[in-house]
Amino acid sequence: MNIKTKPNQTSYAIGELSKEFDITTRSIRFYEDQGLLMPSRKGQTRIYNQRDRVRLKLILRGKRLGFSLAETGKLFELYDADKSSAKQLSSMMELIANKKKSLEQQLADINDVLIELNDLEENCQNILTKLTKQ
C-alpha cells in the first residue's frame, strides 16, 4: 500500500512515513538507531524532513537489491562527506562494483540451481510416467 504525501510537504511524522512505505514505525526507529535517519525532535515527537524520506526510500530499495544496512550507511557517509571528491566517488564506485559482482555471482548460482531443479523435475516425471504405465 502506497499513500501519496502532500506535493509540497517538507516534514513528516513517523506514522506518515510508516504508511507511505508500508513498514512499521519500529523499523523506522531502528534505521534511526543505526544512524541512517536523523529526524529533528519537538519534545518526544520525531519530525522527519525530505532528506530522511529520500533516505528511507533508498534504504528500502537497497534492502530489496541485497545491500546490507552497513553498506547503505557507507554509501550515505561517502555521499555526505564530499560529493565532488574524486576519492569519495572512487570509493563509492568500488562499493557499487563489489555489489554488482556479488549480485552477478548470485544470479549465476540461481541459474545453476534452476537447471538442476529442472533436471530433477524431469527425472521425477519420467519415473512417475514409467510407474503409472505398469
N, C-alpha and C. Protein backbone atom coordinates (compact mmCIF):
# COMPACT_ATOMS: atom_id res chain seq x y z
N MET A 1 0.84 -1.17 0.00
CA MET A 1 0.00 0.00 0.00
C MET A 1 0.89 1.24 0.00
N ASN A 2 0.72 2.10 -0.96
CA ASN A 2 1.47 3.34 -1.03
C ASN A 2 0.50 4.51 -0.90
N ILE A 3 0.72 5.34 0.08
CA ILE A 3 -0.09 6.53 0.27
C ILE A 3 0.75 7.72 -0.17
N LYS A 4 0.21 8.51 -1.06
CA LYS A 4 0.97 9.66 -1.54
C LYS A 4 1.01 10.75 -0.48
N THR A 5 2.15 11.41 -0.41
CA THR A 5 2.28 12.53 0.51
C THR A 5 1.81 13.79 -0.19
N LYS A 6 1.64 14.83 0.57
CA LYS A 6 1.24 16.10 0.00
C LYS A 6 2.37 16.62 -0.89
N PRO A 7 2.05 17.25 -2.04
CA PRO A 7 3.07 17.65 -3.01
C PRO A 7 4.21 18.49 -2.45
N ASN A 8 3.90 19.48 -1.64
CA ASN A 8 4.95 20.38 -1.15
C ASN A 8 5.30 20.13 0.31
N GLN A 9 4.99 18.95 0.80
CA GLN A 9 5.23 18.62 2.20
C GLN A 9 6.74 18.57 2.46
N THR A 10 7.16 19.20 3.55
CA THR A 10 8.59 19.22 3.88
C THR A 10 8.91 18.49 5.17
N SER A 11 7.89 18.16 5.96
CA SER A 11 8.13 17.40 7.18
C SER A 11 7.09 16.31 7.31
N TYR A 12 7.50 15.24 7.99
CA TYR A 12 6.67 14.04 8.07
C TYR A 12 6.72 13.48 9.48
N ALA A 13 5.59 12.99 9.93
CA ALA A 13 5.54 12.27 11.19
C ALA A 13 5.92 10.81 10.91
N ILE A 14 6.35 10.11 11.92
CA ILE A 14 6.77 8.72 11.75
C ILE A 14 5.62 7.87 11.19
N GLY A 15 4.40 8.16 11.62
CA GLY A 15 3.24 7.41 11.13
C GLY A 15 3.00 7.62 9.65
N GLU A 16 3.23 8.83 9.17
CA GLU A 16 3.05 9.11 7.74
C GLU A 16 4.04 8.30 6.90
N LEU A 17 5.30 8.29 7.33
CA LEU A 17 6.31 7.53 6.59
C LEU A 17 6.03 6.04 6.67
N SER A 18 5.59 5.61 7.83
CA SER A 18 5.25 4.21 8.02
C SER A 18 4.17 3.77 7.03
N LYS A 19 3.13 4.57 6.90
CA LYS A 19 2.04 4.26 5.97
C LYS A 19 2.50 4.36 4.53
N GLU A 20 3.24 5.42 4.21
CA GLU A 20 3.69 5.61 2.83
C GLU A 20 4.53 4.45 2.32
N PHE A 21 5.44 3.95 3.17
CA PHE A 21 6.35 2.90 2.74
C PHE A 21 5.93 1.50 3.20
N ASP A 22 4.78 1.44 3.86
CA ASP A 22 4.22 0.17 4.32
C ASP A 22 5.22 -0.62 5.18
N ILE A 23 5.79 0.08 6.15
CA ILE A 23 6.70 -0.54 7.13
C ILE A 23 6.26 -0.11 8.51
N THR A 24 6.79 -0.76 9.52
CA THR A 24 6.41 -0.41 10.89
C THR A 24 7.17 0.81 11.38
N THR A 25 6.59 1.48 12.35
CA THR A 25 7.30 2.61 12.97
C THR A 25 8.55 2.10 13.68
N ARG A 26 8.49 0.87 14.15
CA ARG A 26 9.65 0.27 14.82
C ARG A 26 10.83 0.17 13.85
N SER A 27 10.55 -0.20 12.59
CA SER A 27 11.61 -0.27 11.57
C SER A 27 12.25 1.10 11.36
N ILE A 28 11.41 2.12 11.30
CA ILE A 28 11.93 3.48 11.09
C ILE A 28 12.80 3.89 12.27
N ARG A 29 12.35 3.58 13.48
CA ARG A 29 13.16 3.91 14.67
C ARG A 29 14.48 3.12 14.65
N PHE A 30 14.44 1.88 14.15
CA PHE A 30 15.66 1.08 14.05
C PHE A 30 16.66 1.74 13.09
N TYR A 31 16.17 2.20 11.94
CA TYR A 31 17.06 2.88 10.99
C TYR A 31 17.63 4.16 11.60
N GLU A 32 16.86 4.81 12.43
CA GLU A 32 17.35 5.99 13.15
C GLU A 32 18.45 5.57 14.13
N ASP A 33 18.21 4.48 14.88
CA ASP A 33 19.21 3.98 15.83
C ASP A 33 20.52 3.61 15.13
N GLN A 34 20.41 3.16 13.89
CA GLN A 34 21.59 2.78 13.11
C GLN A 34 22.30 4.01 12.51
N GLY A 35 21.75 5.19 12.70
CA GLY A 35 22.36 6.42 12.19
C GLY A 35 22.04 6.71 10.74
N LEU A 36 21.06 5.99 10.17
CA LEU A 36 20.73 6.19 8.76
C LEU A 36 19.71 7.31 8.55
N LEU A 37 18.92 7.57 9.57
CA LEU A 37 17.94 8.66 9.54
C LEU A 37 18.21 9.56 10.74
N MET A 38 18.01 10.87 10.56
CA MET A 38 18.29 11.81 11.64
C MET A 38 17.18 12.84 11.77
N PRO A 39 16.03 12.42 12.30
CA PRO A 39 14.93 13.38 12.45
C PRO A 39 15.22 14.39 13.54
N SER A 40 14.60 15.54 13.39
CA SER A 40 14.66 16.51 14.49
C SER A 40 13.59 16.11 15.49
N ARG A 41 13.59 16.76 16.62
CA ARG A 41 12.60 16.42 17.65
C ARG A 41 11.89 17.67 18.13
N LYS A 42 10.64 17.47 18.41
CA LYS A 42 9.83 18.51 19.02
C LYS A 42 9.23 17.85 20.24
N GLY A 43 9.91 17.99 21.38
CA GLY A 43 9.54 17.23 22.57
C GLY A 43 9.91 15.78 22.32
N GLN A 44 8.95 14.88 22.44
CA GLN A 44 9.17 13.45 22.19
C GLN A 44 8.87 13.08 20.73
N THR A 45 8.31 14.02 19.98
CA THR A 45 7.89 13.74 18.62
C THR A 45 9.05 13.85 17.64
N ARG A 46 9.20 12.82 16.82
CA ARG A 46 10.20 12.85 15.76
C ARG A 46 9.61 13.57 14.55
N ILE A 47 10.41 14.45 13.97
CA ILE A 47 9.98 15.17 12.77
C ILE A 47 11.01 14.87 11.67
N TYR A 48 10.53 14.14 10.66
CA TYR A 48 11.40 13.74 9.55
C TYR A 48 11.26 14.75 8.42
N ASN A 49 12.41 15.07 7.79
CA ASN A 49 12.38 16.02 6.68
C ASN A 49 12.46 15.26 5.35
N GLN A 50 12.49 16.00 4.27
CA GLN A 50 12.52 15.40 2.93
C GLN A 50 13.77 14.52 2.75
N ARG A 51 14.89 14.94 3.31
CA ARG A 51 16.13 14.15 3.22
C ARG A 51 15.94 12.79 3.88
N ASP A 52 15.31 12.76 5.06
CA ASP A 52 15.04 11.50 5.75
C ASP A 52 14.12 10.62 4.91
N ARG A 53 13.12 11.22 4.29
CA ARG A 53 12.18 10.47 3.46
C ARG A 53 12.91 9.82 2.28
N VAL A 54 13.77 10.58 1.63
CA VAL A 54 14.53 10.05 0.48
C VAL A 54 15.46 8.94 0.96
N ARG A 55 16.10 9.14 2.09
CA ARG A 55 16.99 8.11 2.63
C ARG A 55 16.23 6.84 2.98
N LEU A 56 15.05 6.99 3.54
CA LEU A 56 14.25 5.82 3.87
C LEU A 56 13.90 5.05 2.58
N LYS A 57 13.56 5.78 1.56
CA LYS A 57 13.26 5.16 0.26
C LYS A 57 14.49 4.40 -0.26
N LEU A 58 15.67 5.01 -0.13
CA LEU A 58 16.92 4.37 -0.59
C LEU A 58 17.28 3.15 0.27
N ILE A 59 17.04 3.24 1.56
CA ILE A 59 17.31 2.10 2.47
C ILE A 59 16.47 0.91 2.03
N LEU A 60 15.19 1.15 1.80
CA LEU A 60 14.28 0.06 1.43
C LEU A 60 14.62 -0.50 0.05
N ARG A 61 14.98 0.37 -0.87
CA ARG A 61 15.38 -0.10 -2.20
C ARG A 61 16.68 -0.89 -2.11
N GLY A 62 17.62 -0.40 -1.30
CA GLY A 62 18.88 -1.11 -1.11
C GLY A 62 18.67 -2.49 -0.53
N LYS A 63 17.75 -2.59 0.43
CA LYS A 63 17.44 -3.90 1.02
C LYS A 63 16.92 -4.86 -0.04
N ARG A 64 16.02 -4.36 -0.90
CA ARG A 64 15.49 -5.21 -1.98
C ARG A 64 16.58 -5.67 -2.93
N LEU A 65 17.60 -4.85 -3.10
CA LEU A 65 18.69 -5.18 -4.03
C LEU A 65 19.81 -5.96 -3.36
N GLY A 66 19.67 -6.21 -2.06
CA GLY A 66 20.66 -7.03 -1.37
C GLY A 66 21.74 -6.25 -0.64
N PHE A 67 21.60 -4.94 -0.53
CA PHE A 67 22.57 -4.15 0.22
C PHE A 67 22.29 -4.31 1.71
N SER A 68 23.33 -4.51 2.49
CA SER A 68 23.16 -4.54 3.94
C SER A 68 22.97 -3.10 4.43
N LEU A 69 22.50 -2.96 5.66
CA LEU A 69 22.36 -1.62 6.21
C LEU A 69 23.73 -0.95 6.36
N ALA A 70 24.74 -1.75 6.66
CA ALA A 70 26.10 -1.20 6.77
C ALA A 70 26.57 -0.66 5.42
N GLU A 71 26.29 -1.39 4.35
CA GLU A 71 26.67 -0.92 3.02
C GLU A 71 25.91 0.35 2.65
N THR A 72 24.63 0.38 2.96
CA THR A 72 23.84 1.57 2.68
C THR A 72 24.37 2.75 3.49
N GLY A 73 24.68 2.50 4.75
CA GLY A 73 25.25 3.55 5.59
C GLY A 73 26.56 4.08 5.04
N LYS A 74 27.39 3.18 4.55
CA LYS A 74 28.68 3.58 3.96
C LYS A 74 28.45 4.47 2.73
N LEU A 75 27.48 4.10 1.90
CA LEU A 75 27.17 4.93 0.73
C LEU A 75 26.69 6.31 1.17
N PHE A 76 25.85 6.37 2.21
CA PHE A 76 25.38 7.66 2.72
C PHE A 76 26.55 8.48 3.23
N GLU A 77 27.47 7.84 3.97
CA GLU A 77 28.64 8.54 4.51
C GLU A 77 29.49 9.13 3.39
N LEU A 78 29.74 8.31 2.36
CA LEU A 78 30.55 8.78 1.24
C LEU A 78 29.88 9.94 0.53
N TYR A 79 28.57 9.83 0.35
CA TYR A 79 27.83 10.89 -0.33
C TYR A 79 27.84 12.17 0.50
N ASP A 80 27.63 12.03 1.81
CA ASP A 80 27.58 13.20 2.69
C ASP A 80 28.94 13.88 2.84
N ALA A 81 29.99 13.09 2.80
CA ALA A 81 31.33 13.62 3.08
C ALA A 81 31.75 14.69 2.06
N ASP A 82 31.67 14.34 0.80
CA ASP A 82 32.10 15.30 -0.22
C ASP A 82 31.66 14.77 -1.57
N LYS A 83 30.60 15.33 -2.08
CA LYS A 83 30.02 14.85 -3.33
C LYS A 83 30.93 15.08 -4.53
N SER A 84 31.90 15.95 -4.41
CA SER A 84 32.74 16.28 -5.56
C SER A 84 34.16 15.75 -5.42
N SER A 85 34.44 14.98 -4.39
CA SER A 85 35.77 14.46 -4.18
C SER A 85 36.00 13.21 -5.03
N ALA A 86 37.10 13.20 -5.76
CA ALA A 86 37.44 12.04 -6.59
C ALA A 86 37.64 10.81 -5.72
N LYS A 87 38.24 10.98 -4.54
CA LYS A 87 38.47 9.85 -3.64
C LYS A 87 37.14 9.26 -3.17
N GLN A 88 36.20 10.12 -2.79
CA GLN A 88 34.90 9.65 -2.32
C GLN A 88 34.14 8.94 -3.45
N LEU A 89 34.18 9.53 -4.63
CA LEU A 89 33.48 8.93 -5.76
C LEU A 89 34.11 7.59 -6.15
N SER A 90 35.43 7.50 -6.07
CA SER A 90 36.12 6.24 -6.36
C SER A 90 35.73 5.17 -5.35
N SER A 91 35.65 5.55 -4.08
CA SER A 91 35.23 4.61 -3.04
C SER A 91 33.81 4.13 -3.28
N MET A 92 32.94 5.06 -3.66
CA MET A 92 31.56 4.70 -3.93
C MET A 92 31.48 3.75 -5.13
N MET A 93 32.24 4.04 -6.16
CA MET A 93 32.24 3.19 -7.35
C MET A 93 32.77 1.80 -7.03
N GLU A 94 33.74 1.71 -6.14
CA GLU A 94 34.27 0.41 -5.73
C GLU A 94 33.19 -0.40 -4.98
N LEU A 95 32.47 0.26 -4.08
CA LEU A 95 31.38 -0.41 -3.38
C LEU A 95 30.32 -0.91 -4.37
N ILE A 96 29.99 -0.10 -5.33
CA ILE A 96 29.00 -0.47 -6.33
C ILE A 96 29.50 -1.64 -7.17
N ALA A 97 30.75 -1.59 -7.58
CA ALA A 97 31.32 -2.68 -8.39
C ALA A 97 31.33 -3.99 -7.61
N ASN A 98 31.68 -3.93 -6.33
CA ASN A 98 31.67 -5.15 -5.50
C ASN A 98 30.27 -5.72 -5.36
N LYS A 99 29.29 -4.85 -5.17
CA LYS A 99 27.90 -5.31 -5.05
C LYS A 99 27.43 -5.92 -6.37
N LYS A 100 27.78 -5.29 -7.48
CA LYS A 100 27.39 -5.84 -8.79
C LYS A 100 28.00 -7.22 -9.00
N LYS A 101 29.27 -7.36 -8.63
CA LYS A 101 29.95 -8.65 -8.78
C LYS A 101 29.25 -9.71 -7.93
N SER A 102 28.90 -9.36 -6.70
CA SER A 102 28.21 -10.28 -5.81
C SER A 102 26.84 -10.68 -6.37
N LEU A 103 26.10 -9.70 -6.87
CA LEU A 103 24.78 -9.99 -7.44
C LEU A 103 24.89 -10.84 -8.70
N GLU A 104 25.90 -10.58 -9.52
CA GLU A 104 26.11 -11.40 -10.72
C GLU A 104 26.42 -12.84 -10.34
N GLN A 105 27.21 -13.05 -9.28
CA GLN A 105 27.50 -14.40 -8.81
C GLN A 105 26.24 -15.07 -8.28
N GLN A 106 25.44 -14.33 -7.53
CA GLN A 106 24.18 -14.88 -7.03
C GLN A 106 23.26 -15.28 -8.18
N LEU A 107 23.21 -14.44 -9.21
CA LEU A 107 22.38 -14.75 -10.38
C LEU A 107 22.87 -16.02 -11.07
N ALA A 108 24.17 -16.17 -11.22
CA ALA A 108 24.74 -17.38 -11.83
C ALA A 108 24.40 -18.60 -10.97
N ASP A 109 24.53 -18.46 -9.66
CA ASP A 109 24.19 -19.56 -8.74
C ASP A 109 22.71 -19.94 -8.86
N ILE A 110 21.86 -18.94 -8.92
CA ILE A 110 20.42 -19.20 -9.05
C ILE A 110 20.13 -19.92 -10.36
N ASN A 111 20.75 -19.48 -11.44
CA ASN A 111 20.55 -20.13 -12.73
C ASN A 111 21.02 -21.58 -12.69
N ASP A 112 22.15 -21.85 -12.04
CA ASP A 112 22.65 -23.23 -11.91
C ASP A 112 21.66 -24.09 -11.13
N VAL A 113 21.14 -23.56 -10.04
CA VAL A 113 20.18 -24.31 -9.22
C VAL A 113 18.91 -24.57 -10.02
N LEU A 114 18.45 -23.58 -10.78
CA LEU A 114 17.26 -23.77 -11.60
C LEU A 114 17.45 -24.89 -12.63
N ILE A 115 18.62 -24.95 -13.23
CA ILE A 115 18.92 -26.01 -14.20
C ILE A 115 18.87 -27.37 -13.50
N GLU A 116 19.49 -27.45 -12.33
CA GLU A 116 19.48 -28.70 -11.58
C GLU A 116 18.06 -29.10 -11.16
N LEU A 117 17.27 -28.14 -10.73
CA LEU A 117 15.89 -28.43 -10.34
C LEU A 117 15.05 -28.89 -11.54
N ASN A 118 15.26 -28.25 -12.68
CA ASN A 118 14.55 -28.67 -13.89
C ASN A 118 14.92 -30.10 -14.28
N ASP A 119 16.22 -30.43 -14.17
CA ASP A 119 16.66 -31.80 -14.47
C ASP A 119 16.04 -32.79 -13.49
N LEU A 120 16.03 -32.45 -12.23
CA LEU A 120 15.45 -33.31 -11.21
C LEU A 120 13.96 -33.51 -11.45
N GLU A 121 13.28 -32.41 -11.76
CA GLU A 121 11.85 -32.47 -12.04
C GLU A 121 11.57 -33.38 -13.25
N GLU A 122 12.37 -33.24 -14.28
CA GLU A 122 12.21 -34.07 -15.48
C GLU A 122 12.43 -35.54 -15.15
N ASN A 123 13.47 -35.83 -14.36
CA ASN A 123 13.73 -37.22 -13.96
C ASN A 123 12.58 -37.79 -13.14
N CYS A 124 12.07 -37.00 -12.20
CA CYS A 124 10.93 -37.44 -11.39
C CYS A 124 9.72 -37.71 -12.28
N GLN A 125 9.47 -36.83 -13.23
CA GLN A 125 8.33 -37.00 -14.13
C GLN A 125 8.49 -38.27 -14.97
N ASN A 126 9.70 -38.54 -15.46
CA ASN A 126 9.96 -39.75 -16.25
C ASN A 126 9.72 -41.01 -15.41
N ILE A 127 10.18 -41.02 -14.18
CA ILE A 127 9.99 -42.19 -13.31
C ILE A 127 8.50 -42.35 -12.99
N LEU A 128 7.83 -41.25 -12.71
CA LEU A 128 6.40 -41.29 -12.42
C LEU A 128 5.61 -41.84 -13.62
N THR A 129 5.99 -41.39 -14.80
CA THR A 129 5.32 -41.87 -16.02
C THR A 129 5.51 -43.38 -16.18
N LYS A 130 6.75 -43.86 -15.94
CA LYS A 130 7.03 -45.30 -16.04
C LYS A 130 6.23 -46.08 -15.01
N LEU A 131 6.13 -45.54 -13.81
CA LEU A 131 5.41 -46.23 -12.73
C LEU A 131 3.91 -46.30 -13.01
N THR A 132 3.36 -45.27 -13.60
CA THR A 132 1.92 -45.27 -13.86
C THR A 132 1.56 -46.12 -15.05
N LYS A 133 2.54 -46.45 -15.92
CA LYS A 133 2.28 -47.31 -17.09
C LYS A 133 2.33 -48.79 -16.70
N GLN A 134 2.84 -49.09 -15.56
CA GLN A 134 2.97 -50.50 -15.14
C GLN A 134 1.69 -51.07 -14.66
